[in-house]
Amino acid sequence: MAINTTKSVAKLQETAVNDLEAQVKAAAAAFKSEKMVKVAIPKAFEKAIGPTLYLGINGVSLVLPVDGKDYEVPAPFAAQLKDYLDNIQM
């Protein structure tokens, strides 16, 4: 049975962080290859949401302004935004 030392635990933690960063970069690259979809968040939602809306999928995130203007985002983010806006209680 292996004994955990400060050095061995630090190495495992560093490896885990490197693996996570690699997975996030791979996810970001996958989203870049997705179809881009125009979305807009109506200014009327600003009272319920705030000035910006954070969306995140698998460690990849983006922040959209709540200003009614069109923005192009990858299709999975557009689907997440639609689900979110469909469920806002105003």
N, C-alpha and C. Protein backbone atom coordinates (compact mmCIF):
# COMPACT_ATOMS: atom_id res chain seq x y z
N MET A 1 0.84 -1.17 0.00
CA MET A 1 0.00 0.00 0.00
C MET A 1 0.89 1.25 0.00
N ALA A 2 0.58 2.19 -0.87
CA ALA A 2 1.37 3.41 -0.99
C ALA A 2 1.02 4.38 0.13
N ILE A 3 2.02 5.11 0.55
CA ILE A 3 1.81 6.11 1.59
C ILE A 3 1.80 7.48 0.92
N ASN A 4 0.77 8.26 1.22
CA ASN A 4 0.68 9.60 0.67
C ASN A 4 1.60 10.53 1.43
N THR A 5 2.42 11.22 0.69
CA THR A 5 3.28 12.25 1.28
C THR A 5 2.87 13.58 0.67
N THR A 6 3.37 14.64 1.23
CA THR A 6 3.06 15.97 0.70
C THR A 6 3.46 16.06 -0.77
N LYS A 7 4.60 15.48 -1.10
CA LYS A 7 5.09 15.53 -2.47
C LYS A 7 4.19 14.73 -3.41
N SER A 8 3.78 13.53 -3.00
CA SER A 8 2.94 12.70 -3.88
C SER A 8 1.54 13.31 -4.05
N VAL A 9 0.99 13.89 -3.00
CA VAL A 9 -0.33 14.52 -3.08
C VAL A 9 -0.27 15.74 -3.98
N ALA A 10 0.80 16.55 -3.86
CA ALA A 10 0.95 17.74 -4.70
C ALA A 10 1.06 17.35 -6.17
N LYS A 11 1.77 16.25 -6.46
CA LYS A 11 1.91 15.81 -7.84
C LYS A 11 0.56 15.35 -8.40
N LEU A 12 -0.21 14.63 -7.60
CA LEU A 12 -1.54 14.21 -8.05
C LEU A 12 -2.44 15.41 -8.31
N GLN A 13 -2.36 16.39 -7.42
CA GLN A 13 -3.19 17.59 -7.59
C GLN A 13 -2.80 18.33 -8.86
N GLU A 14 -1.50 18.45 -9.12
CA GLU A 14 -1.02 19.12 -10.33
C GLU A 14 -1.49 18.37 -11.57
N THR A 15 -1.43 17.04 -11.54
CA THR A 15 -1.89 16.23 -12.66
C THR A 15 -3.39 16.42 -12.89
N ALA A 16 -4.16 16.45 -11.82
CA ALA A 16 -5.61 16.64 -11.94
C ALA A 16 -5.93 18.00 -12.55
N VAL A 17 -5.23 19.05 -12.12
CA VAL A 17 -5.46 20.39 -12.67
C VAL A 17 -5.10 20.42 -14.15
N ASN A 18 -3.97 19.80 -14.51
CA ASN A 18 -3.57 19.76 -15.92
C ASN A 18 -4.59 19.00 -16.77
N ASP A 19 -5.09 17.89 -16.25
CA ASP A 19 -6.11 17.12 -16.97
C ASP A 19 -7.38 17.94 -17.16
N LEU A 20 -7.79 18.64 -16.12
CA LEU A 20 -9.00 19.47 -16.21
C LEU A 20 -8.83 20.58 -17.24
N GLU A 21 -7.67 21.24 -17.22
CA GLU A 21 -7.42 22.31 -18.19
C GLU A 21 -7.45 21.76 -19.61
N ALA A 22 -6.90 20.57 -19.81
CA ALA A 22 -6.91 19.96 -21.15
C ALA A 22 -8.34 19.64 -21.58
N GLN A 23 -9.16 19.15 -20.66
CA GLN A 23 -10.55 18.82 -20.99
C GLN A 23 -11.34 20.07 -21.34
N VAL A 24 -11.11 21.17 -20.61
CA VAL A 24 -11.82 22.42 -20.90
C VAL A 24 -11.39 22.98 -22.26
N LYS A 25 -10.09 22.90 -22.56
CA LYS A 25 -9.61 23.36 -23.86
C LYS A 25 -10.20 22.53 -25.00
N ALA A 26 -10.32 21.22 -24.78
CA ALA A 26 -10.92 20.35 -25.80
C ALA A 26 -12.40 20.68 -25.99
N ALA A 27 -13.09 20.96 -24.90
CA ALA A 27 -14.51 21.33 -24.99
C ALA A 27 -14.66 22.66 -25.72
N ALA A 28 -13.79 23.62 -25.42
CA ALA A 28 -13.85 24.93 -26.09
C ALA A 28 -13.62 24.76 -27.59
N ALA A 29 -12.68 23.91 -27.96
CA ALA A 29 -12.41 23.66 -29.38
C ALA A 29 -13.63 23.01 -30.05
N ALA A 30 -14.28 22.10 -29.34
CA ALA A 30 -15.47 21.45 -29.89
C ALA A 30 -16.59 22.47 -30.11
N PHE A 31 -16.75 23.41 -29.17
CA PHE A 31 -17.79 24.43 -29.32
C PHE A 31 -17.49 25.36 -30.48
N LYS A 32 -16.21 25.62 -30.74
CA LYS A 32 -15.85 26.50 -31.86
C LYS A 32 -16.24 25.88 -33.20
N SER A 33 -16.28 24.55 -33.25
CA SER A 33 -16.64 23.89 -34.50
C SER A 33 -18.16 23.73 -34.67
N GLU A 34 -18.92 24.09 -33.63
CA GLU A 34 -20.38 24.00 -33.70
C GLU A 34 -20.95 25.11 -34.59
N LYS A 35 -22.15 24.87 -35.08
CA LYS A 35 -22.87 25.88 -35.86
C LYS A 35 -23.15 27.09 -34.97
N MET A 36 -22.93 28.29 -35.51
CA MET A 36 -23.20 29.52 -34.77
C MET A 36 -24.65 29.94 -35.01
N VAL A 37 -25.32 30.35 -33.93
CA VAL A 37 -26.73 30.73 -33.97
C VAL A 37 -26.87 32.13 -33.40
N LYS A 38 -27.68 32.97 -34.05
CA LYS A 38 -27.93 34.31 -33.53
C LYS A 38 -28.95 34.24 -32.40
N VAL A 39 -28.61 34.90 -31.29
CA VAL A 39 -29.52 34.96 -30.14
C VAL A 39 -29.58 36.40 -29.64
N ALA A 40 -30.64 36.70 -28.94
CA ALA A 40 -30.80 38.01 -28.31
C ALA A 40 -31.56 37.82 -27.01
N ILE A 41 -31.18 38.57 -26.00
CA ILE A 41 -31.91 38.54 -24.74
C ILE A 41 -32.63 39.88 -24.64
N PRO A 42 -33.95 39.87 -24.67
CA PRO A 42 -34.70 41.13 -24.64
C PRO A 42 -34.38 41.98 -23.41
N LYS A 43 -34.33 43.27 -23.61
CA LYS A 43 -34.03 44.21 -22.53
C LYS A 43 -35.06 44.09 -21.40
N ALA A 44 -36.26 43.64 -21.72
CA ALA A 44 -37.32 43.50 -20.70
C ALA A 44 -36.93 42.49 -19.62
N PHE A 45 -36.02 41.56 -19.93
CA PHE A 45 -35.58 40.56 -18.95
C PHE A 45 -34.52 41.09 -17.99
N GLU A 46 -34.02 42.30 -18.24
CA GLU A 46 -32.94 42.84 -17.42
C GLU A 46 -33.32 42.91 -15.94
N LYS A 47 -34.57 43.22 -15.65
CA LYS A 47 -35.01 43.31 -14.26
C LYS A 47 -34.90 41.95 -13.55
N ALA A 48 -35.19 40.88 -14.26
CA ALA A 48 -35.15 39.54 -13.68
C ALA A 48 -33.75 38.93 -13.70
N ILE A 49 -32.95 39.24 -14.74
CA ILE A 49 -31.65 38.61 -14.93
C ILE A 49 -30.50 39.47 -14.43
N GLY A 50 -30.58 40.76 -14.70
CA GLY A 50 -29.46 41.66 -14.43
C GLY A 50 -28.89 42.13 -15.76
N PRO A 51 -27.80 42.88 -15.74
CA PRO A 51 -27.26 43.42 -16.99
C PRO A 51 -26.58 42.39 -17.89
N THR A 52 -26.13 41.27 -17.32
CA THR A 52 -25.50 40.22 -18.12
C THR A 52 -26.00 38.85 -17.68
N LEU A 53 -25.86 37.86 -18.56
CA LEU A 53 -26.26 36.49 -18.26
C LEU A 53 -25.08 35.57 -18.51
N TYR A 54 -24.71 34.80 -17.49
CA TYR A 54 -23.61 33.83 -17.58
C TYR A 54 -24.17 32.49 -18.04
N LEU A 55 -23.56 31.91 -19.06
CA LEU A 55 -23.91 30.56 -19.52
C LEU A 55 -22.65 29.71 -19.48
N GLY A 56 -22.75 28.49 -18.99
CA GLY A 56 -21.60 27.61 -18.94
C GLY A 56 -21.98 26.18 -19.26
N ILE A 57 -21.13 25.52 -20.05
CA ILE A 57 -21.32 24.12 -20.39
C ILE A 57 -19.96 23.44 -20.31
N ASN A 58 -19.84 22.43 -19.48
CA ASN A 58 -18.61 21.63 -19.35
C ASN A 58 -17.35 22.49 -19.13
N GLY A 59 -17.46 23.52 -18.33
CA GLY A 59 -16.31 24.36 -18.02
C GLY A 59 -16.07 25.48 -19.00
N VAL A 60 -16.79 25.49 -20.11
CA VAL A 60 -16.65 26.57 -21.08
C VAL A 60 -17.80 27.54 -20.83
N SER A 61 -17.46 28.81 -20.70
CA SER A 61 -18.49 29.78 -20.35
C SER A 61 -18.47 30.98 -21.28
N LEU A 62 -19.59 31.67 -21.30
CA LEU A 62 -19.68 32.95 -21.98
C LEU A 62 -20.68 33.83 -21.24
N VAL A 63 -20.51 35.11 -21.40
CA VAL A 63 -21.38 36.08 -20.75
C VAL A 63 -22.02 36.93 -21.84
N LEU A 64 -23.35 36.97 -21.82
CA LEU A 64 -24.09 37.76 -22.81
C LEU A 64 -24.74 38.96 -22.16
N PRO A 65 -24.66 40.12 -22.81
CA PRO A 65 -25.35 41.29 -22.29
C PRO A 65 -26.87 41.16 -22.49
N VAL A 66 -27.63 41.69 -21.56
CA VAL A 66 -29.09 41.68 -21.66
C VAL A 66 -29.48 43.05 -22.24
N ASP A 67 -29.33 43.17 -23.58
CA ASP A 67 -29.56 44.48 -24.20
C ASP A 67 -30.43 44.42 -25.46
N GLY A 68 -30.92 43.23 -25.81
CA GLY A 68 -31.79 43.10 -26.97
C GLY A 68 -31.07 43.00 -28.30
N LYS A 69 -29.74 43.10 -28.31
CA LYS A 69 -28.98 43.01 -29.56
C LYS A 69 -28.69 41.55 -29.89
N ASP A 70 -28.45 41.29 -31.19
CA ASP A 70 -28.13 39.93 -31.64
C ASP A 70 -26.66 39.61 -31.42
N TYR A 71 -26.41 38.38 -30.97
CA TYR A 71 -25.06 37.87 -30.78
C TYR A 71 -25.02 36.46 -31.33
N GLU A 72 -23.88 36.07 -31.91
CA GLU A 72 -23.73 34.71 -32.42
C GLU A 72 -23.04 33.85 -31.36
N VAL A 73 -23.67 32.73 -31.03
CA VAL A 73 -23.13 31.79 -30.05
C VAL A 73 -23.24 30.38 -30.63
N PRO A 74 -22.42 29.45 -30.13
CA PRO A 74 -22.55 28.06 -30.59
C PRO A 74 -23.94 27.50 -30.25
N ALA A 75 -24.42 26.58 -31.09
CA ALA A 75 -25.78 26.03 -30.96
C ALA A 75 -26.08 25.47 -29.55
N PRO A 76 -25.16 24.76 -28.88
CA PRO A 76 -25.50 24.26 -27.54
C PRO A 76 -25.79 25.39 -26.54
N PHE A 77 -25.07 26.50 -26.66
CA PHE A 77 -25.33 27.64 -25.78
C PHE A 77 -26.67 28.29 -26.12
N ALA A 78 -27.01 28.33 -27.41
CA ALA A 78 -28.30 28.88 -27.82
C ALA A 78 -29.44 28.04 -27.24
N ALA A 79 -29.28 26.72 -27.25
CA ALA A 79 -30.31 25.84 -26.69
C ALA A 79 -30.43 26.05 -25.18
N GLN A 80 -29.29 26.19 -24.51
CA GLN A 80 -29.32 26.44 -23.06
C GLN A 80 -29.98 27.78 -22.76
N LEU A 81 -29.68 28.79 -23.55
CA LEU A 81 -30.28 30.11 -23.37
C LEU A 81 -31.79 30.04 -23.57
N LYS A 82 -32.24 29.32 -24.60
CA LYS A 82 -33.67 29.19 -24.85
C LYS A 82 -34.37 28.53 -23.66
N ASP A 83 -33.79 27.44 -23.15
CA ASP A 83 -34.37 26.77 -21.98
C ASP A 83 -34.44 27.72 -20.80
N TYR A 84 -33.40 28.49 -20.59
CA TYR A 84 -33.36 29.42 -19.46
C TYR A 84 -34.44 30.49 -19.61
N LEU A 85 -34.52 31.10 -20.79
CA LEU A 85 -35.48 32.18 -21.00
C LEU A 85 -36.93 31.66 -20.95
N ASP A 86 -37.13 30.41 -21.37
CA ASP A 86 -38.47 29.82 -21.32
C ASP A 86 -38.94 29.59 -19.87
N ASN A 87 -38.01 29.52 -18.95
CA ASN A 87 -38.37 29.21 -17.56
C ASN A 87 -38.24 30.37 -16.59
N ILE A 88 -38.03 31.57 -17.10
CA ILE A 88 -37.93 32.74 -16.21
C ILE A 88 -39.32 33.09 -15.68
N GLN A 89 -39.40 33.29 -14.39
CA GLN A 89 -40.65 33.73 -13.75
C GLN A 89 -40.58 35.25 -13.59
N MET A 90 -41.45 35.94 -14.30
CA MET A 90 -41.42 37.41 -14.21
C MET A 90 -42.66 37.92 -13.52
